[in-house]
Amino acid sequence: MSNNQGSQWVKSSYSGGEGGQCLEWAPTVATSTGSVPVRDSKAPQGPALSLTPGAWATFVGFASQTSI
């Protein structure tokens, strides 16, 4: 998937300021296409993954219940 450069990206509320695991997603793209783009916020020029809404929901559920 392209990196959706023109899209508005939202940083995960679980992303800290320490430069660790940082994740962004593009909700406007998800709404318009039905596919959820996800990327590393430390590498915004890099690639983005494209997840189905079900896979995204599973990931978010897992992340909200797991501490790294």
PDB file of N, CA and C in Angstrom:
ATOM      1  N   MET A   1       0.843  -1.176   0.000  1.00  0.00           N
ATOM      2  CA  MET A   1       0.000   0.000   0.000  1.00  0.00           C
ATOM      3  C   MET A   1       0.885   1.234   0.000  1.00  0.00           C
ATOM      4  N   SER A   2       0.445   2.271  -0.660  1.00  0.00           N
ATOM      5  CA  SER A   2       1.196   3.527  -0.643  1.00  0.00           C
ATOM      6  C   SER A   2       1.147   4.119   0.756  1.00  0.00           C
ATOM      7  N   ASN A   3       1.944   5.139   0.984  1.00  0.00           N
ATOM      8  CA  ASN A   3       1.991   5.717   2.328  1.00  0.00           C
ATOM      9  C   ASN A   3       0.915   6.769   2.551  1.00  0.00           C
ATOM     10  N   ASN A   4       0.022   7.009   1.587  1.00  0.00           N
ATOM     11  CA  ASN A   4      -1.093   7.945   1.761  1.00  0.00           C
ATOM     12  C   ASN A   4      -0.625   9.301   2.279  1.00  0.00           C
ATOM     13  N   GLN A   5       0.393   9.850   1.648  1.00  0.00           N
ATOM     14  CA  GLN A   5       0.986  11.106   2.104  1.00  0.00           C
ATOM     15  C   GLN A   5      -0.005  12.232   2.308  1.00  0.00           C
ATOM     16  N   GLY A   6      -1.028  12.356   1.472  1.00  0.00           N
ATOM     17  CA  GLY A   6      -1.972  13.451   1.601  1.00  0.00           C
ATOM     18  C   GLY A   6      -3.021  13.233   2.671  1.00  0.00           C
ATOM     19  N   SER A   7      -2.978  12.106   3.324  1.00  0.00           N
ATOM     20  CA  SER A   7      -3.983  11.762   4.325  1.00  0.00           C
ATOM     21  C   SER A   7      -3.664  12.383   5.672  1.00  0.00           C
ATOM     22  N   GLN A   8      -4.706  12.549   6.464  1.00  0.00           N
ATOM     23  CA  GLN A   8      -4.507  13.003   7.839  1.00  0.00           C
ATOM     24  C   GLN A   8      -4.261  11.767   8.696  1.00  0.00           C
ATOM     25  N   TRP A   9      -3.104  11.732   9.323  1.00  0.00           N
ATOM     26  CA  TRP A   9      -2.726  10.600  10.157  1.00  0.00           C
ATOM     27  C   TRP A   9      -2.923  10.957  11.621  1.00  0.00           C
ATOM     28  N   VAL A  10      -3.359   9.984  12.412  1.00  0.00           N
ATOM     29  CA  VAL A  10      -3.603  10.171  13.837  1.00  0.00           C
ATOM     30  C   VAL A  10      -2.675   9.231  14.605  1.00  0.00           C
ATOM     31  N   LYS A  11      -1.921   9.796  15.545  1.00  0.00           N
ATOM     32  CA  LYS A  11      -1.011   8.972  16.340  1.00  0.00           C
ATOM     33  C   LYS A  11      -1.792   8.239  17.424  1.00  0.00           C
ATOM     34  N   SER A  12      -1.436   7.005  17.645  1.00  0.00           N
ATOM     35  CA  SER A  12      -2.068   6.196  18.672  1.00  0.00           C
ATOM     36  C   SER A  12      -1.903   6.837  20.044  1.00  0.00           C
ATOM     37  N   SER A  13      -2.957   6.742  20.853  1.00  0.00           N
ATOM     38  CA  SER A  13      -2.874   7.267  22.217  1.00  0.00           C
ATOM     39  C   SER A  13      -1.917   6.437  23.066  1.00  0.00           C
ATOM     40  N   TYR A  14      -1.546   5.254  22.584  1.00  0.00           N
ATOM     41  CA  TYR A  14      -0.590   4.408  23.301  1.00  0.00           C
ATOM     42  C   TYR A  14       0.851   4.740  22.940  1.00  0.00           C
ATOM     43  N   SER A  15       1.059   5.595  21.958  1.00  0.00           N
ATOM     44  CA  SER A  15       2.410   5.971  21.558  1.00  0.00           C
ATOM     45  C   SER A  15       2.960   6.968  22.570  1.00  0.00           C
ATOM     46  N   GLY A  16       4.087   6.643  23.124  1.00  0.00           N
ATOM     47  CA  GLY A  16       4.697   7.527  24.104  1.00  0.00           C
ATOM     48  C   GLY A  16       5.661   8.495  23.456  1.00  0.00           C
ATOM     49  N   GLY A  17       6.211   9.394  24.246  1.00  0.00           N
ATOM     50  CA  GLY A  17       7.159  10.380  23.753  1.00  0.00           C
ATOM     51  C   GLY A  17       8.596   9.891  23.802  1.00  0.00           C
ATOM     52  N   GLU A  18       8.802   8.645  24.198  1.00  0.00           N
ATOM     53  CA  GLU A  18      10.165   8.124  24.343  1.00  0.00           C
ATOM     54  C   GLU A  18      10.760   7.630  23.039  1.00  0.00           C
ATOM     55  N   GLY A  19      10.005   7.633  21.964  1.00  0.00           N
ATOM     56  CA  GLY A  19      10.521   7.164  20.682  1.00  0.00           C
ATOM     57  C   GLY A  19      10.453   5.658  20.524  1.00  0.00           C
ATOM     58  N   GLY A  20       9.631   5.005  21.314  1.00  0.00           N
ATOM     59  CA  GLY A  20       9.488   3.553  21.233  1.00  0.00           C
ATOM     60  C   GLY A  20       8.517   3.137  20.165  1.00  0.00           C
ATOM     61  N   GLN A  21       7.535   2.336  20.545  1.00  0.00           N
ATOM     62  CA  GLN A  21       6.544   1.821  19.607  1.00  0.00           C
ATOM     63  C   GLN A  21       5.534   2.912  19.279  1.00  0.00           C
ATOM     64  N   CYS A  22       5.652   3.495  18.105  1.00  0.00           N
ATOM     65  CA  CYS A  22       4.762   4.582  17.692  1.00  0.00           C
ATOM     66  C   CYS A  22       3.997   4.170  16.445  1.00  0.00           C
ATOM     67  N   LEU A  23       2.703   4.377  16.487  1.00  0.00           N
ATOM     68  CA  LEU A  23       1.821   3.916  15.430  1.00  0.00           C
ATOM     69  C   LEU A  23       0.864   5.030  15.043  1.00  0.00           C
ATOM     70  N   GLU A  24       0.604   5.165  13.748  1.00  0.00           N
ATOM     71  CA  GLU A  24      -0.384   6.115  13.249  1.00  0.00           C
ATOM     72  C   GLU A  24      -1.345   5.385  12.323  1.00  0.00           C
ATOM     73  N   TRP A  25      -2.559   5.905  12.238  1.00  0.00           N
ATOM     74  CA  TRP A  25      -3.534   5.373  11.297  1.00  0.00           C
ATOM     75  C   TRP A  25      -4.256   6.538  10.658  1.00  0.00           C
ATOM     76  N   ALA A  26      -4.885   6.289   9.513  1.00  0.00           N
ATOM     77  CA  ALA A  26      -5.559   7.338   8.753  1.00  0.00           C
ATOM     78  C   ALA A  26      -7.064   7.067   8.727  1.00  0.00           C
ATOM     79  N   PRO A  27      -7.810   7.635   9.687  1.00  0.00           N
ATOM     80  CA  PRO A  27      -9.240   7.345   9.772  1.00  0.00           C
ATOM     81  C   PRO A  27     -10.047   7.812   8.568  1.00  0.00           C
ATOM     82  N   THR A  28      -9.662   8.906   7.934  1.00  0.00           N
ATOM     83  CA  THR A  28     -10.435   9.365   6.774  1.00  0.00           C
ATOM     84  C   THR A  28     -10.303   8.396   5.605  1.00  0.00           C
ATOM     85  N   VAL A  29      -9.125   7.812   5.437  1.00  0.00           N
ATOM     86  CA  VAL A  29      -8.934   6.807   4.389  1.00  0.00           C
ATOM     87  C   VAL A  29      -9.745   5.564   4.736  1.00  0.00           C
ATOM     88  N   ALA A  30      -9.725   5.177   6.009  1.00  0.00           N
ATOM     89  CA  ALA A  30     -10.483   4.000   6.442  1.00  0.00           C
ATOM     90  C   ALA A  30     -11.973   4.185   6.174  1.00  0.00           C
ATOM     91  N   THR A  31     -12.480   5.368   6.448  1.00  0.00           N
ATOM     92  CA  THR A  31     -13.895   5.646   6.232  1.00  0.00           C
ATOM     93  C   THR A  31     -14.256   5.606   4.749  1.00  0.00           C
ATOM     94  N   SER A  32     -13.384   6.164   3.925  1.00  0.00           N
ATOM     95  CA  SER A  32     -13.714   6.256   2.499  1.00  0.00           C
ATOM     96  C   SER A  32     -13.434   4.973   1.713  1.00  0.00           C
ATOM     97  N   THR A  33     -12.486   4.156   2.186  1.00  0.00           N
ATOM     98  CA  THR A  33     -12.115   2.968   1.414  1.00  0.00           C
ATOM     99  C   THR A  33     -12.501   1.653   2.071  1.00  0.00           C
ATOM    100  N   GLY A  34     -12.748   1.665   3.384  1.00  0.00           N
ATOM    101  CA  GLY A  34     -13.037   0.420   4.088  1.00  0.00           C
ATOM    102  C   GLY A  34     -11.787  -0.357   4.435  1.00  0.00           C
ATOM    103  N   SER A  35     -10.625   0.230   4.204  1.00  0.00           N
ATOM    104  CA  SER A  35      -9.340  -0.386   4.519  1.00  0.00           C
ATOM    105  C   SER A  35      -8.586   0.553   5.456  1.00  0.00           C
ATOM    106  N   VAL A  36      -8.018   0.029   6.527  1.00  0.00           N
ATOM    107  CA  VAL A  36      -7.383   0.856   7.555  1.00  0.00           C
ATOM    108  C   VAL A  36      -5.871   0.913   7.325  1.00  0.00           C
ATOM    109  N   PRO A  37      -5.342   2.074   6.900  1.00  0.00           N
ATOM    110  CA  PRO A  37      -3.894   2.200   6.729  1.00  0.00           C
ATOM    111  C   PRO A  37      -3.216   2.484   8.068  1.00  0.00           C
ATOM    112  N   VAL A  38      -2.115   1.788   8.308  1.00  0.00           N
ATOM    113  CA  VAL A  38      -1.358   1.904   9.550  1.00  0.00           C
ATOM    114  C   VAL A  38       0.112   2.043   9.186  1.00  0.00           C
ATOM    115  N   ARG A  39       0.826   2.946   9.878  1.00  0.00           N
ATOM    116  CA  ARG A  39       2.251   3.127   9.605  1.00  0.00           C
ATOM    117  C   ARG A  39       3.014   3.437  10.886  1.00  0.00           C
ATOM    118  N   ASP A  40       4.322   3.354  10.789  1.00  0.00           N
ATOM    119  CA  ASP A  40       5.244   3.693  11.865  1.00  0.00           C
ATOM    120  C   ASP A  40       5.393   5.217  11.870  1.00  0.00           C
ATOM    121  N   SER A  41       5.035   5.858  12.970  1.00  0.00           N
ATOM    122  CA  SER A  41       5.090   7.320  13.016  1.00  0.00           C
ATOM    123  C   SER A  41       6.516   7.852  12.978  1.00  0.00           C
ATOM    124  N   LYS A  42       7.487   7.010  13.280  1.00  0.00           N
ATOM    125  CA  LYS A  42       8.889   7.436  13.217  1.00  0.00           C
ATOM    126  C   LYS A  42       9.411   7.405  11.788  1.00  0.00           C
ATOM    127  N   ALA A  43       8.661   6.787  10.885  1.00  0.00           N
ATOM    128  CA  ALA A  43       9.076   6.680   9.477  1.00  0.00           C
ATOM    129  C   ALA A  43       7.885   7.000   8.572  1.00  0.00           C
ATOM    130  N   PRO A  44       7.374   8.247   8.617  1.00  0.00           N
ATOM    131  CA  PRO A  44       6.169   8.572   7.848  1.00  0.00           C
ATOM    132  C   PRO A  44       6.335   8.472   6.339  1.00  0.00           C
ATOM    133  N   GLN A  45       7.549   8.519   5.853  1.00  0.00           N
ATOM    134  CA  GLN A  45       7.783   8.372   4.415  1.00  0.00           C
ATOM    135  C   GLN A  45       7.804   6.903   3.994  1.00  0.00           C
ATOM    136  N   GLY A  46       7.848   6.018   4.971  1.00  0.00           N
ATOM    137  CA  GLY A  46       7.920   4.588   4.688  1.00  0.00           C
ATOM    138  C   GLY A  46       6.568   4.016   4.307  1.00  0.00           C
ATOM    139  N   PRO A  47       6.508   2.716   4.166  1.00  0.00           N
ATOM    140  CA  PRO A  47       5.269   2.058   3.739  1.00  0.00           C
ATOM    141  C   PRO A  47       4.215   2.040   4.841  1.00  0.00           C
ATOM    142  N   ALA A  48       3.000   1.816   4.437  1.00  0.00           N
ATOM    143  CA  ALA A  48       1.882   1.648   5.362  1.00  0.00           C
ATOM    144  C   ALA A  48       1.266   0.275   5.128  1.00  0.00           C
ATOM    145  N   LEU A  49       0.804  -0.332   6.191  1.00  0.00           N
ATOM    146  CA  LEU A  49       0.060  -1.584   6.078  1.00  0.00           C
ATOM    147  C   LEU A  49      -1.401  -1.258   5.837  1.00  0.00           C
ATOM    148  N   SER A  50      -2.080  -2.114   5.150  1.00  0.00           N
ATOM    149  CA  SER A  50      -3.506  -1.946   4.917  1.00  0.00           C
ATOM    150  C   SER A  50      -4.224  -3.100   5.604  1.00  0.00           C
ATOM    151  N   LEU A  51      -5.035  -2.783   6.615  1.00  0.00           N
ATOM    152  CA  LEU A  51      -5.732  -3.805   7.385  1.00  0.00           C
ATOM    153  C   LEU A  51      -7.227  -3.763   7.122  1.00  0.00           C
ATOM    154  N   THR A  52      -7.861  -4.909   7.220  1.00  0.00           N
ATOM    155  CA  THR A  52      -9.316  -4.933   7.166  1.00  0.00           C
ATOM    156  C   THR A  52      -9.834  -4.343   8.484  1.00  0.00           C
ATOM    157  N   PRO A  53     -11.059  -3.849   8.507  1.00  0.00           N
ATOM    158  CA  PRO A  53     -11.605  -3.338   9.766  1.00  0.00           C
ATOM    159  C   PRO A  53     -11.600  -4.383  10.886  1.00  0.00           C
ATOM    160  N   GLY A  54     -11.860  -5.640  10.543  1.00  0.00           N
ATOM    161  CA  GLY A  54     -11.840  -6.697  11.550  1.00  0.00           C
ATOM    162  C   GLY A  54     -10.461  -6.927  12.128  1.00  0.00           C
ATOM    163  N   ALA A  55      -9.444  -6.923  11.255  1.00  0.00           N
ATOM    164  CA  ALA A  55      -8.062  -7.101  11.728  1.00  0.00           C
ATOM    165  C   ALA A  55      -7.643  -5.917  12.591  1.00  0.00           C
ATOM    166  N   TRP A  56      -8.038  -4.712  12.197  1.00  0.00           N
ATOM    167  CA  TRP A  56      -7.711  -3.509  12.978  1.00  0.00           C
ATOM    168  C   TRP A  56      -8.366  -3.590  14.360  1.00  0.00           C
ATOM    169  N   ALA A  57      -9.633  -3.982  14.419  1.00  0.00           N
ATOM    170  CA  ALA A  57     -10.342  -4.100  15.697  1.00  0.00           C
ATOM    171  C   ALA A  57      -9.675  -5.139  16.602  1.00  0.00           C
ATOM    172  N   THR A  58      -9.250  -6.248  16.026  1.00  0.00           N
ATOM    173  CA  THR A  58      -8.547  -7.275  16.804  1.00  0.00           C
ATOM    174  C   THR A  58      -7.233  -6.740  17.336  1.00  0.00           C
ATOM    175  N   PHE A  59      -6.477  -6.039  16.497  1.00  0.00           N
ATOM    176  CA  PHE A  59      -5.202  -5.459  16.921  1.00  0.00           C
ATOM    177  C   PHE A  59      -5.401  -4.451  18.052  1.00  0.00           C
ATOM    178  N   VAL A  60      -6.353  -3.547  17.892  1.00  0.00           N
ATOM    179  CA  VAL A  60      -6.611  -2.523  18.915  1.00  0.00           C
ATOM    180  C   VAL A  60      -7.043  -3.180  20.225  1.00  0.00           C
ATOM    181  N   GLY A  61      -7.902  -4.193  20.156  1.00  0.00           N
ATOM    182  CA  GLY A  61      -8.319  -4.914  21.351  1.00  0.00           C
ATOM    183  C   GLY A  61      -7.147  -5.564  22.054  1.00  0.00           C
ATOM    184  N   PHE A  62      -6.274  -6.195  21.283  1.00  0.00           N
ATOM    185  CA  PHE A  62      -5.086  -6.822  21.849  1.00  0.00           C
ATOM    186  C   PHE A  62      -4.176  -5.784  22.486  1.00  0.00           C
ATOM    187  N   ALA A  63      -3.920  -4.695  21.782  1.00  0.00           N
ATOM    188  CA  ALA A  63      -3.014  -3.654  22.287  1.00  0.00           C
ATOM    189  C   ALA A  63      -3.544  -3.001  23.548  1.00  0.00           C
ATOM    190  N   SER A  64      -4.855  -2.856  23.648  1.00  0.00           N
ATOM    191  CA  SER A  64      -5.424  -2.194  24.826  1.00  0.00           C
ATOM    192  C   SER A  64      -5.380  -3.086  26.069  1.00  0.00           C
ATOM    193  N   GLN A  65      -5.181  -4.386  25.878  1.00  0.00           N
ATOM    194  CA  GLN A  65      -5.156  -5.318  27.016  1.00  0.00           C
ATOM    195  C   GLN A  65      -3.765  -5.869  27.309  1.00  0.00           C
ATOM    196  N   THR A  66      -2.771  -5.439  26.556  1.00  0.00           N
ATOM    197  CA  THR A  66      -1.434  -5.984  26.683  1.00  0.00           C
ATOM    198  C   THR A  66      -0.439  -4.884  27.027  1.00  0.00           C
ATOM    199  N   SER A  67       0.464  -5.173  27.945  1.00  0.00           N
ATOM    200  CA  SER A  67       1.516  -4.195  28.188  1.00  0.00           C
ATOM    201  C   SER A  67       2.831  -4.769  27.694  1.00  0.00           C
ATOM    202  N   ILE A  68       3.570  -3.905  27.047  1.00  0.00           N
ATOM    203  CA  ILE A  68       4.828  -4.333  26.422  1.00  0.00           C
ATOM    204  C   ILE A  68       5.978  -4.010  27.330  1.00  0.00           C
TER     205      ILE A  68
END
